[in-house]
Amino acid sequence: MSIEIKALTLNMSTMRIEILNPKAVKLLTDLAELNLISITPDDSENEFIRTLNSLRIDSAPSLDEITKEVEAARSNRYGK
């Protein structure tokens, strides 16, 4: 399990922490309740998947475009 923590300092540093002991979750939650840290879920994988899906949607040719390309290639190859 890993989470991203933003420390409340003048420079607002961000670090990624991998939790090895489940007791650390309670400790981090307590720090967040004291407004010493802010805990946000790690959605970098979800963001990557959303970006990948949007790229696939934007660049995918339609069935008509594929058919026209195949017909053009066949006519060039077989001279019809």
C-alpha atoms as a PDB file:
ATOM      1  CA  MET A   1       0.000   0.000   0.000  1.00  0.00           C
ATOM      2  CA  SER A   2       1.349   3.414  -0.874  1.00  0.00           C
ATOM      3  CA  ILE A   3      -0.039   6.882  -0.337  1.00  0.00           C
ATOM      4  CA  GLU A   4       1.007  10.387  -1.257  1.00  0.00           C
ATOM      5  CA  ILE A   5       1.512  12.826   1.581  1.00  0.00           C
ATOM      6  CA  LYS A   6       1.730  16.594   1.308  1.00  0.00           C
ATOM      7  CA  ALA A   7       3.555  18.130   4.239  1.00  0.00           C
ATOM      8  CA  LEU A   8       2.351  21.492   5.532  1.00  0.00           C
ATOM      9  CA  THR A   9       5.579  23.469   5.333  1.00  0.00           C
ATOM     10  CA  LEU A  10       6.535  26.661   3.593  1.00  0.00           C
ATOM     11  CA  ASN A  11       7.533  24.763   0.463  1.00  0.00           C
ATOM     12  CA  MET A  12       4.682  22.190   0.573  1.00  0.00           C
ATOM     13  CA  SER A  13       6.877  19.206  -0.227  1.00  0.00           C
ATOM     14  CA  THR A  14       5.223  16.065  -1.537  1.00  0.00           C
ATOM     15  CA  MET A  15       6.504  12.551  -0.976  1.00  0.00           C
ATOM     16  CA  ARG A  16       5.342   9.046  -1.806  1.00  0.00           C
ATOM     17  CA  ILE A  17       5.336   6.663   1.141  1.00  0.00           C
ATOM     18  CA  GLU A  18       4.973   2.892   1.033  1.00  0.00           C
ATOM     19  CA  ILE A  19       3.369   1.602   4.221  1.00  0.00           C
ATOM     20  CA  LEU A  20       4.998  -1.567   5.528  1.00  0.00           C
ATOM     21  CA  ASN A  21       3.216  -1.819   8.865  1.00  0.00           C
ATOM     22  CA  PRO A  22      -0.583  -1.360   9.134  1.00  0.00           C
ATOM     23  CA  LYS A  23      -0.077   0.574  12.395  1.00  0.00           C
ATOM     24  CA  ALA A  24       1.454   3.385  10.341  1.00  0.00           C
ATOM     25  CA  VAL A  25      -1.939   4.042   8.718  1.00  0.00           C
ATOM     26  CA  LYS A  26      -3.402   4.935  12.101  1.00  0.00           C
ATOM     27  CA  LEU A  27      -0.455   7.190  12.865  1.00  0.00           C
ATOM     28  CA  LEU A  28      -0.774   8.993   9.528  1.00  0.00           C
ATOM     29  CA  THR A  29      -4.543   9.333   9.951  1.00  0.00           C
ATOM     30  CA  ASP A  30      -3.988  10.912  13.366  1.00  0.00           C
ATOM     31  CA  LEU A  31      -1.506  13.391  11.873  1.00  0.00           C
ATOM     32  CA  ALA A  32      -4.027  14.291   9.184  1.00  0.00           C
ATOM     33  CA  GLU A  33      -6.742  14.840  11.801  1.00  0.00           C
ATOM     34  CA  LEU A  34      -4.403  17.267  13.576  1.00  0.00           C
ATOM     35  CA  ASN A  35      -4.015  19.115  10.243  1.00  0.00           C
ATOM     36  CA  LEU A  36      -0.284  18.432  10.237  1.00  0.00           C
ATOM     37  CA  ILE A  37      -0.390  16.542   6.933  1.00  0.00           C
ATOM     38  CA  SER A  38      -2.836  16.085   4.083  1.00  0.00           C
ATOM     39  CA  ILE A  39      -3.390  12.604   2.684  1.00  0.00           C
ATOM     40  CA  THR A  40      -4.603  12.200  -0.895  1.00  0.00           C
ATOM     41  CA  PRO A  41      -5.251   8.938  -2.732  1.00  0.00           C
ATOM     42  CA  ASP A  42      -2.711   7.911  -5.342  1.00  0.00           C
ATOM     43  CA  ASP A  43      -4.562   8.024  -8.645  1.00  0.00           C
ATOM     44  CA  SER A  44      -1.533   8.112 -10.945  1.00  0.00           C
ATOM     45  CA  GLU A  45      -2.428   4.697 -12.372  1.00  0.00           C
ATOM     46  CA  ASN A  46      -6.008   5.804 -12.977  1.00  0.00           C
ATOM     47  CA  GLU A  47      -4.781   8.990 -14.652  1.00  0.00           C
ATOM     48  CA  PHE A  48      -2.515   6.924 -16.901  1.00  0.00           C
ATOM     49  CA  ILE A  49      -5.395   4.642 -17.879  1.00  0.00           C
ATOM     50  CA  ARG A  50      -7.677   7.637 -18.587  1.00  0.00           C
ATOM     51  CA  THR A  51      -5.004   9.217 -20.778  1.00  0.00           C
ATOM     52  CA  LEU A  52      -4.366   5.948 -22.595  1.00  0.00           C
ATOM     53  CA  ASN A  53      -8.083   5.446 -23.235  1.00  0.00           C
ATOM     54  CA  SER A  54      -8.510   8.982 -24.546  1.00  0.00           C
ATOM     55  CA  LEU A  55      -5.580   8.497 -26.922  1.00  0.00           C
ATOM     56  CA  ARG A  56      -7.052   5.254 -28.183  1.00  0.00           C
ATOM     57  CA  ILE A  57     -10.438   6.857 -28.764  1.00  0.00           C
ATOM     58  CA  ASP A  58      -9.005   9.855 -30.617  1.00  0.00           C
ATOM     59  CA  SER A  59      -6.710   7.906 -32.921  1.00  0.00           C
ATOM     60  CA  ALA A  60      -8.863   4.871 -33.769  1.00  0.00           C
ATOM     61  CA  PRO A  61     -10.008   4.847 -37.411  1.00  0.00           C
ATOM     62  CA  SER A  62     -13.674   4.243 -38.169  1.00  0.00           C
ATOM     63  CA  LEU A  63     -14.912   1.114 -39.912  1.00  0.00           C
ATOM     64  CA  ASP A  64     -15.528   3.123 -43.107  1.00  0.00           C
ATOM     65  CA  GLU A  65     -11.946   4.442 -43.084  1.00  0.00           C
ATOM     66  CA  ILE A  66     -10.585   0.929 -42.642  1.00  0.00           C
ATOM     67  CA  THR A  67     -12.786  -0.379 -45.466  1.00  0.00           C
ATOM     68  CA  LYS A  68     -11.658   2.397 -47.825  1.00  0.00           C
ATOM     69  CA  GLU A  69      -7.995   1.687 -47.046  1.00  0.00           C
ATOM     70  CA  VAL A  70      -8.424  -2.045 -47.631  1.00  0.00           C
ATOM     71  CA  GLU A  71     -10.258  -1.453 -50.920  1.00  0.00           C
ATOM     72  CA  ALA A  72      -7.587   1.017 -52.075  1.00  0.00           C
ATOM     73  CA  ALA A  73      -4.788  -1.420 -51.207  1.00  0.00           C
ATOM     74  CA  ARG A  74      -6.557  -4.253 -53.010  1.00  0.00           C
ATOM     75  CA  SER A  75      -7.192  -2.148 -56.108  1.00  0.00           C
ATOM     76  CA  ASN A  76      -3.534  -1.095 -56.205  1.00  0.00           C
ATOM     77  CA  ARG A  77      -2.375  -4.651 -55.730  1.00  0.00           C
ATOM     78  CA  TYR A  78      -4.729  -6.388 -58.134  1.00  0.00           C
ATOM     79  CA  GLY A  79      -5.300  -3.493 -60.568  1.00  0.00           C
ATOM     80  CA  LYS A  80      -9.089  -3.498 -60.362  1.00  0.00           C
END
